[in-house]
Amino acid sequence: MTLLDLDTTIAKYASVAFDDSTPLLEAGLESLSLLRLAVEVATDDDAEIDATRLVDLRTVGDLKGWLRELASTGAVDGRPR
């Protein structure tokens, strides 16, 4: 998944324009939308998404990093093998 794809995917859930430094809450992204994003980008239908990692996400840039991990081949619990 490319950076552009992540921006487009995140924009479906965000309520305002954002960049990588935008805090998640300012973008209108709350825990439910973060989980929906994770499910959408996870490449393995059986992958477990470690929701406890959500507490570490502060900005859209943090979110993109986590989503990239989920989208990577062989991701388990939101962490690459």
PDB file of N, CA and C in Angstrom:
ATOM      1  N   MET A   1       0.861  -1.179   0.000  1.00  0.00           N
ATOM      2  CA  MET A   1       0.000   0.000   0.000  1.00  0.00           C
ATOM      3  C   MET A   1       0.902   1.234   0.000  1.00  0.00           C
ATOM      4  N   THR A   2       0.636   2.159  -0.874  1.00  0.00           N
ATOM      5  CA  THR A   2       1.479   3.345  -0.973  1.00  0.00           C
ATOM      6  C   THR A   2       0.984   4.427  -0.034  1.00  0.00           C
ATOM      7  N   LEU A   3       1.814   5.436   0.141  1.00  0.00           N
ATOM      8  CA  LEU A   3       1.452   6.558   0.994  1.00  0.00           C
ATOM      9  C   LEU A   3       0.157   7.208   0.505  1.00  0.00           C
ATOM     10  N   LEU A   4       0.036   7.378  -0.798  1.00  0.00           N
ATOM     11  CA  LEU A   4      -1.175   7.972  -1.364  1.00  0.00           C
ATOM     12  C   LEU A   4      -2.397   7.122  -1.033  1.00  0.00           C
ATOM     13  N   ASP A   5      -2.272   5.807  -1.148  1.00  0.00           N
ATOM     14  CA  ASP A   5      -3.384   4.936  -0.804  1.00  0.00           C
ATOM     15  C   ASP A   5      -3.776   5.096   0.665  1.00  0.00           C
ATOM     16  N   LEU A   6      -2.781   5.208   1.543  1.00  0.00           N
ATOM     17  CA  LEU A   6      -3.096   5.398   2.967  1.00  0.00           C
ATOM     18  C   LEU A   6      -3.822   6.711   3.191  1.00  0.00           C
ATOM     19  N   ASP A   7      -3.370   7.768   2.542  1.00  0.00           N
ATOM     20  CA  ASP A   7      -4.046   9.061   2.693  1.00  0.00           C
ATOM     21  C   ASP A   7      -5.502   8.962   2.251  1.00  0.00           C
ATOM     22  N   THR A   8      -5.736   8.309   1.137  1.00  0.00           N
ATOM     23  CA  THR A   8      -7.092   8.156   0.615  1.00  0.00           C
ATOM     24  C   THR A   8      -7.940   7.305   1.556  1.00  0.00           C
ATOM     25  N   THR A   9      -7.352   6.221   2.054  1.00  0.00           N
ATOM     26  CA  THR A   9      -8.082   5.333   2.959  1.00  0.00           C
ATOM     27  C   THR A   9      -8.408   6.045   4.265  1.00  0.00           C
ATOM     28  N   ILE A  10      -7.454   6.752   4.828  1.00  0.00           N
ATOM     29  CA  ILE A  10      -7.679   7.482   6.084  1.00  0.00           C
ATOM     30  C   ILE A  10      -8.712   8.582   5.885  1.00  0.00           C
ATOM     31  N   ALA A  11      -8.679   9.229   4.722  1.00  0.00           N
ATOM     32  CA  ALA A  11      -9.612  10.332   4.455  1.00  0.00           C
ATOM     33  C   ALA A  11     -11.067   9.878   4.502  1.00  0.00           C
ATOM     34  N   LYS A  12     -11.320   8.594   4.248  1.00  0.00           N
ATOM     35  CA  LYS A  12     -12.697   8.077   4.315  1.00  0.00           C
ATOM     36  C   LYS A  12     -13.247   8.143   5.739  1.00  0.00           C
ATOM     37  N   TYR A  13     -12.358   8.135   6.718  1.00  0.00           N
ATOM     38  CA  TYR A  13     -12.771   8.112   8.131  1.00  0.00           C
ATOM     39  C   TYR A  13     -12.535   9.436   8.847  1.00  0.00           C
ATOM     40  N   ALA A  14     -11.670  10.281   8.292  1.00  0.00           N
ATOM     41  CA  ALA A  14     -11.355  11.570   8.918  1.00  0.00           C
ATOM     42  C   ALA A  14     -12.475  12.573   8.637  1.00  0.00           C
ATOM     43  N   SER A  15     -12.661  13.497   9.556  1.00  0.00           N
ATOM     44  CA  SER A  15     -13.718  14.498   9.369  1.00  0.00           C
ATOM     45  C   SER A  15     -13.179  15.842   8.890  1.00  0.00           C
ATOM     46  N   VAL A  16     -11.844  16.000   8.883  1.00  0.00           N
ATOM     47  CA  VAL A  16     -11.216  17.241   8.408  1.00  0.00           C
ATOM     48  C   VAL A  16      -9.959  16.883   7.627  1.00  0.00           C
ATOM     49  N   ALA A  17      -9.420  17.865   6.915  1.00  0.00           N
ATOM     50  CA  ALA A  17      -8.154  17.678   6.200  1.00  0.00           C
ATOM     51  C   ALA A  17      -7.048  17.411   7.221  1.00  0.00           C
ATOM     52  N   PHE A  18      -6.030  16.659   6.827  1.00  0.00           N
ATOM     53  CA  PHE A  18      -4.971  16.277   7.759  1.00  0.00           C
ATOM     54  C   PHE A  18      -3.640  16.160   7.040  1.00  0.00           C
ATOM     55  N   ASP A  19      -2.576  16.168   7.827  1.00  0.00           N
ATOM     56  CA  ASP A  19      -1.251  15.799   7.345  1.00  0.00           C
ATOM     57  C   ASP A  19      -0.651  14.865   8.387  1.00  0.00           C
ATOM     58  N   ASP A  20       0.591  14.454   8.195  1.00  0.00           N
ATOM     59  CA  ASP A  20       1.178  13.471   9.107  1.00  0.00           C
ATOM     60  C   ASP A  20       1.292  13.964  10.545  1.00  0.00           C
ATOM     61  N   SER A  21       1.359  15.263  10.759  1.00  0.00           N
ATOM     62  CA  SER A  21       1.519  15.791  12.121  1.00  0.00           C
ATOM     63  C   SER A  21       0.189  16.072  12.819  1.00  0.00           C
ATOM     64  N   THR A  22      -0.925  15.887  12.126  1.00  0.00           N
ATOM     65  CA  THR A  22      -2.241  16.159  12.709  1.00  0.00           C
ATOM     66  C   THR A  22      -2.556  15.120  13.790  1.00  0.00           C
ATOM     67  N   PRO A  23      -2.899  15.585  15.001  1.00  0.00           N
ATOM     68  CA  PRO A  23      -3.331  14.641  16.041  1.00  0.00           C
ATOM     69  C   PRO A  23      -4.588  13.894  15.585  1.00  0.00           C
ATOM     70  N   LEU A  24      -4.671  12.624  15.933  1.00  0.00           N
ATOM     71  CA  LEU A  24      -5.786  11.794  15.488  1.00  0.00           C
ATOM     72  C   LEU A  24      -7.145  12.380  15.869  1.00  0.00           C
ATOM     73  N   LEU A  25      -7.275  12.855  17.106  1.00  0.00           N
ATOM     74  CA  LEU A  25      -8.573  13.396  17.525  1.00  0.00           C
ATOM     75  C   LEU A  25      -8.943  14.652  16.746  1.00  0.00           C
ATOM     76  N   GLU A  26      -7.953  15.478  16.396  1.00  0.00           N
ATOM     77  CA  GLU A  26      -8.245  16.673  15.597  1.00  0.00           C
ATOM     78  C   GLU A  26      -8.714  16.307  14.198  1.00  0.00           C
ATOM     79  N   ALA A  27      -8.271  15.153  13.703  1.00  0.00           N
ATOM     80  CA  ALA A  27      -8.700  14.682  12.383  1.00  0.00           C
ATOM     81  C   ALA A  27     -10.049  13.972  12.462  1.00  0.00           C
ATOM     82  N   GLY A  28     -10.559  13.810  13.677  1.00  0.00           N
ATOM     83  CA  GLY A  28     -11.842  13.132  13.853  1.00  0.00           C
ATOM     84  C   GLY A  28     -11.717  11.624  13.856  1.00  0.00           C
ATOM     85  N   LEU A  29     -10.518  11.122  14.101  1.00  0.00           N
ATOM     86  CA  LEU A  29     -10.274   9.679  14.110  1.00  0.00           C
ATOM     87  C   LEU A  29     -10.259   9.169  15.538  1.00  0.00           C
ATOM     88  N   GLU A  30     -11.247   8.372  15.875  1.00  0.00           N
ATOM     89  CA  GLU A  30     -11.358   7.793  17.217  1.00  0.00           C
ATOM     90  C   GLU A  30     -11.137   6.292  17.132  1.00  0.00           C
ATOM     91  N   SER A  31     -11.179   5.623  18.258  1.00  0.00           N
ATOM     92  CA  SER A  31     -10.797   4.210  18.317  1.00  0.00           C
ATOM     93  C   SER A  31     -11.579   3.327  17.348  1.00  0.00           C
ATOM     94  N   LEU A  32     -12.866   3.540  17.202  1.00  0.00           N
ATOM     95  CA  LEU A  32     -13.647   2.696  16.294  1.00  0.00           C
ATOM     96  C   LEU A  32     -13.198   2.886  14.845  1.00  0.00           C
ATOM     97  N   SER A  33     -12.972   4.121  14.445  1.00  0.00           N
ATOM     98  CA  SER A  33     -12.518   4.349  13.069  1.00  0.00           C
ATOM     99  C   SER A  33     -11.103   3.808  12.865  1.00  0.00           C
ATOM    100  N   LEU A  34     -10.272   3.844  13.897  1.00  0.00           N
ATOM    101  CA  LEU A  34      -8.922   3.281  13.786  1.00  0.00           C
ATOM    102  C   LEU A  34      -8.986   1.769  13.588  1.00  0.00           C
ATOM    103  N   LEU A  35      -9.866   1.108  14.310  1.00  0.00           N
ATOM    104  CA  LEU A  35     -10.033  -0.332  14.136  1.00  0.00           C
ATOM    105  C   LEU A  35     -10.589  -0.666  12.753  1.00  0.00           C
ATOM    106  N   ARG A  36     -11.518   0.130  12.274  1.00  0.00           N
ATOM    107  CA  ARG A  36     -12.061  -0.091  10.928  1.00  0.00           C
ATOM    108  C   ARG A  36     -10.966   0.066   9.880  1.00  0.00           C
ATOM    109  N   LEU A  37     -10.109   1.070  10.057  1.00  0.00           N
ATOM    110  CA  LEU A  37      -8.976   1.252   9.150  1.00  0.00           C
ATOM    111  C   LEU A  37      -8.051   0.038   9.182  1.00  0.00           C
ATOM    112  N   ALA A  38      -7.774  -0.458  10.375  1.00  0.00           N
ATOM    113  CA  ALA A  38      -6.886  -1.607  10.525  1.00  0.00           C
ATOM    114  C   ALA A  38      -7.451  -2.823   9.794  1.00  0.00           C
ATOM    115  N   VAL A  39      -8.743  -3.062   9.950  1.00  0.00           N
ATOM    116  CA  VAL A  39      -9.380  -4.197   9.281  1.00  0.00           C
ATOM    117  C   VAL A  39      -9.312  -4.010   7.768  1.00  0.00           C
ATOM    118  N   GLU A  40      -9.484  -2.788   7.311  1.00  0.00           N
ATOM    119  CA  GLU A  40      -9.486  -2.509   5.878  1.00  0.00           C
ATOM    120  C   GLU A  40      -8.112  -2.751   5.244  1.00  0.00           C
ATOM    121  N   VAL A  41      -7.038  -2.415   5.944  1.00  0.00           N
ATOM    122  CA  VAL A  41      -5.706  -2.542   5.337  1.00  0.00           C
ATOM    123  C   VAL A  41      -5.017  -3.867   5.624  1.00  0.00           C
ATOM    124  N   ALA A  42      -5.475  -4.614   6.610  1.00  0.00           N
ATOM    125  CA  ALA A  42      -4.837  -5.898   6.928  1.00  0.00           C
ATOM    126  C   ALA A  42      -4.951  -6.821   5.722  1.00  0.00           C
ATOM    127  N   THR A  43      -3.821  -7.358   5.275  1.00  0.00           N
ATOM    128  CA  THR A  43      -3.814  -8.192   4.078  1.00  0.00           C
ATOM    129  C   THR A  43      -4.183  -9.638   4.373  1.00  0.00           C
ATOM    130  N   ASP A  44      -4.055 -10.038   5.611  1.00  0.00           N
ATOM    131  CA  ASP A  44      -4.365 -11.417   6.002  1.00  0.00           C
ATOM    132  C   ASP A  44      -5.705 -11.414   6.730  1.00  0.00           C
ATOM    133  N   ASP A  45      -6.676 -12.107   6.167  1.00  0.00           N
ATOM    134  CA  ASP A  45      -8.015 -12.142   6.773  1.00  0.00           C
ATOM    135  C   ASP A  45      -8.005 -12.732   8.178  1.00  0.00           C
ATOM    136  N   ASP A  46      -7.002 -13.545   8.492  1.00  0.00           N
ATOM    137  CA  ASP A  46      -6.910 -14.177   9.808  1.00  0.00           C
ATOM    138  C   ASP A  46      -5.994 -13.420  10.763  1.00  0.00           C
ATOM    139  N   ALA A  47      -5.456 -12.283  10.330  1.00  0.00           N
ATOM    140  CA  ALA A  47      -4.535 -11.524  11.178  1.00  0.00           C
ATOM    141  C   ALA A  47      -5.258 -11.002  12.413  1.00  0.00           C
ATOM    142  N   GLU A  48      -4.581 -11.090  13.541  1.00  0.00           N
ATOM    143  CA  GLU A  48      -5.119 -10.519  14.768  1.00  0.00           C
ATOM    144  C   GLU A  48      -4.608  -9.093  14.881  1.00  0.00           C
ATOM    145  N   ILE A  49      -5.498  -8.189  15.185  1.00  0.00           N
ATOM    146  CA  ILE A  49      -5.125  -6.779  15.305  1.00  0.00           C
ATOM    147  C   ILE A  49      -4.979  -6.463  16.775  1.00  0.00           C
ATOM    148  N   ASP A  50      -3.793  -6.054  17.159  1.00  0.00           N
ATOM    149  CA  ASP A  50      -3.486  -5.743  18.548  1.00  0.00           C
ATOM    150  C   ASP A  50      -4.000  -4.341  18.878  1.00  0.00           C
ATOM    151  N   ALA A  51      -5.227  -4.272  19.385  1.00  0.00           N
ATOM    152  CA  ALA A  51      -5.861  -2.980  19.680  1.00  0.00           C
ATOM    153  C   ALA A  51      -5.150  -2.220  20.790  1.00  0.00           C
ATOM    154  N   THR A  52      -4.351  -2.899  21.602  1.00  0.00           N
ATOM    155  CA  THR A  52      -3.624  -2.192  22.659  1.00  0.00           C
ATOM    156  C   THR A  52      -2.604  -1.222  22.083  1.00  0.00           C
ATOM    157  N   ARG A  53      -2.199  -1.433  20.846  1.00  0.00           N
ATOM    158  CA  ARG A  53      -1.245  -0.513  20.219  1.00  0.00           C
ATOM    159  C   ARG A  53      -1.883   0.837  19.886  1.00  0.00           C
ATOM    160  N   LEU A  54      -3.208   0.896  19.892  1.00  0.00           N
ATOM    161  CA  LEU A  54      -3.895   2.154  19.594  1.00  0.00           C
ATOM    162  C   LEU A  54      -3.504   3.262  20.567  1.00  0.00           C
ATOM    163  N   VAL A  55      -3.204   2.906  21.806  1.00  0.00           N
ATOM    164  CA  VAL A  55      -2.867   3.928  22.804  1.00  0.00           C
ATOM    165  C   VAL A  55      -1.562   4.628  22.478  1.00  0.00           C
ATOM    166  N   ASP A  56      -0.709   4.005  21.657  1.00  0.00           N
ATOM    167  CA  ASP A  56       0.564   4.611  21.282  1.00  0.00           C
ATOM    168  C   ASP A  56       0.443   5.546  20.084  1.00  0.00           C
ATOM    169  N   LEU A  57      -0.686   5.521  19.413  1.00  0.00           N
ATOM    170  CA  LEU A  57      -0.877   6.334  18.217  1.00  0.00           C
ATOM    171  C   LEU A  57      -1.360   7.728  18.607  1.00  0.00           C
ATOM    172  N   ARG A  58      -0.611   8.718  18.210  1.00  0.00           N
ATOM    173  CA  ARG A  58      -0.978  10.103  18.550  1.00  0.00           C
ATOM    174  C   ARG A  58      -1.326  10.928  17.308  1.00  0.00           C
ATOM    175  N   THR A  59      -0.585  10.693  16.219  1.00  0.00           N
ATOM    176  CA  THR A  59      -0.746  11.508  15.020  1.00  0.00           C
ATOM    177  C   THR A  59      -1.111  10.637  13.821  1.00  0.00           C
ATOM    178  N   VAL A  60      -1.499  11.285  12.744  1.00  0.00           N
ATOM    179  CA  VAL A  60      -1.794  10.565  11.509  1.00  0.00           C
ATOM    180  C   VAL A  60      -0.532   9.845  11.026  1.00  0.00           C
ATOM    181  N   GLY A  61       0.628  10.428  11.221  1.00  0.00           N
ATOM    182  CA  GLY A  61       1.878   9.770  10.850  1.00  0.00           C
ATOM    183  C   GLY A  61       2.087   8.478  11.626  1.00  0.00           C
ATOM    184  N   ASP A  62       1.795   8.502  12.932  1.00  0.00           N
ATOM    185  CA  ASP A  62       1.879   7.277  13.747  1.00  0.00           C
ATOM    186  C   ASP A  62       0.922   6.214  13.194  1.00  0.00           C
ATOM    187  N   LEU A  63      -0.280   6.649  12.861  1.00  0.00           N
ATOM    188  CA  LEU A  63      -1.295   5.741  12.325  1.00  0.00           C
ATOM    189  C   LEU A  63      -0.818   5.110  11.029  1.00  0.00           C
ATOM    190  N   LYS A  64      -0.244   5.916  10.153  1.00  0.00           N
ATOM    191  CA  LYS A  64       0.244   5.397   8.875  1.00  0.00           C
ATOM    192  C   LYS A  64       1.317   4.336   9.092  1.00  0.00           C
ATOM    193  N   GLY A  65       2.208   4.559  10.039  1.00  0.00           N
ATOM    194  CA  GLY A  65       3.236   3.571  10.330  1.00  0.00           C
ATOM    195  C   GLY A  65       2.632   2.250  10.767  1.00  0.00           C
ATOM    196  N   TRP A  66       1.650   2.318  11.644  1.00  0.00           N
ATOM    197  CA  TRP A  66       0.979   1.110  12.139  1.00  0.00           C
ATOM    198  C   TRP A  66       0.228   0.407  11.008  1.00  0.00           C
ATOM    199  N   LEU A  67      -0.454   1.195  10.174  1.00  0.00           N
ATOM    200  CA  LEU A  67      -1.192   0.599   9.062  1.00  0.00           C
ATOM    201  C   LEU A  67      -0.253  -0.044   8.057  1.00  0.00           C
ATOM    202  N   ARG A  68       0.920   0.550   7.828  1.00  0.00           N
ATOM    203  CA  ARG A  68       1.907  -0.062   6.935  1.00  0.00           C
ATOM    204  C   ARG A  68       2.335  -1.425   7.471  1.00  0.00           C
ATOM    205  N   GLU A  69       2.525  -1.506   8.788  1.00  0.00           N
ATOM    206  CA  GLU A  69       2.885  -2.789   9.402  1.00  0.00           C
ATOM    207  C   GLU A  69       1.785  -3.824   9.174  1.00  0.00           C
ATOM    208  N   LEU A  70       0.545  -3.411   9.369  1.00  0.00           N
ATOM    209  CA  LEU A  70      -0.579  -4.324   9.173  1.00  0.00           C
ATOM    210  C   LEU A  70      -0.684  -4.785   7.725  1.00  0.00           C
ATOM    211  N   ALA A  71      -0.381  -3.889   6.803  1.00  0.00           N
ATOM    212  CA  ALA A  71      -0.502  -4.205   5.381  1.00  0.00           C
ATOM    213  C   ALA A  71       0.659  -5.057   4.879  1.00  0.00           C
ATOM    214  N   SER A  72       1.747  -5.114   5.648  1.00  0.00           N
ATOM    215  CA  SER A  72       2.912  -5.873   5.191  1.00  0.00           C
ATOM    216  C   SER A  72       2.617  -7.368   5.217  1.00  0.00           C
ATOM    217  N   THR A  73       3.264  -8.067   4.372  1.00  0.00           N
ATOM    218  CA  THR A  73       3.074  -9.509   4.267  1.00  0.00           C
ATOM    219  C   THR A  73       3.464 -10.194   5.574  1.00  0.00           C
ATOM    220  N   GLY A  74       2.601 -11.064   6.040  1.00  0.00           N
ATOM    221  CA  GLY A  74       2.894 -11.838   7.243  1.00  0.00           C
ATOM    222  C   GLY A  74       2.724 -11.079   8.530  1.00  0.00           C
ATOM    223  N   ALA A  75       1.943  -9.988   8.525  1.00  0.00           N
ATOM    224  CA  ALA A  75       1.746  -9.237   9.763  1.00  0.00           C
ATOM    225  C   ALA A  75       0.907 -10.057  10.740  1.00  0.00           C
ATOM    226  N   VAL A  76       1.335 -10.059  11.985  1.00  0.00           N
ATOM    227  CA  VAL A  76       0.606 -10.742  13.048  1.00  0.00           C
ATOM    228  C   VAL A  76       0.508  -9.775  14.222  1.00  0.00           C
ATOM    229  N   ASP A  77      -0.671  -9.607  14.761  1.00  0.00           N
ATOM    230  CA  ASP A  77      -0.900  -8.692  15.875  1.00  0.00           C
ATOM    231  C   ASP A  77      -0.446  -7.269  15.536  1.00  0.00           C
ATOM    232  N   GLY A  78      -0.522  -6.907  14.250  1.00  0.00           N
ATOM    233  CA  GLY A  78      -0.117  -5.567  13.856  1.00  0.00           C
ATOM    234  C   GLY A  78       1.378  -5.391  13.809  1.00  0.00           C
ATOM    235  N   ARG A  79       2.130  -6.489  13.922  1.00  0.00           N
ATOM    236  CA  ARG A  79       3.591  -6.428  13.890  1.00  0.00           C
ATOM    237  C   ARG A  79       4.098  -7.413  12.853  1.00  0.00           C
ATOM    238  N   PRO A  80       5.035  -6.985  11.982  1.00  0.00           N
ATOM    239  CA  PRO A  80       5.551  -7.926  10.989  1.00  0.00           C
ATOM    240  C   PRO A  80       6.269  -9.075  11.670  1.00  0.00           C
ATOM    241  N   ARG A  81       6.208 -10.235  11.037  1.00  0.00           N
ATOM    242  CA  ARG A  81       6.920 -11.408  11.581  1.00  0.00           C
ATOM    243  C   ARG A  81       8.389 -11.256  11.368  1.00  0.00           C
TER     244      ARG A  81
END
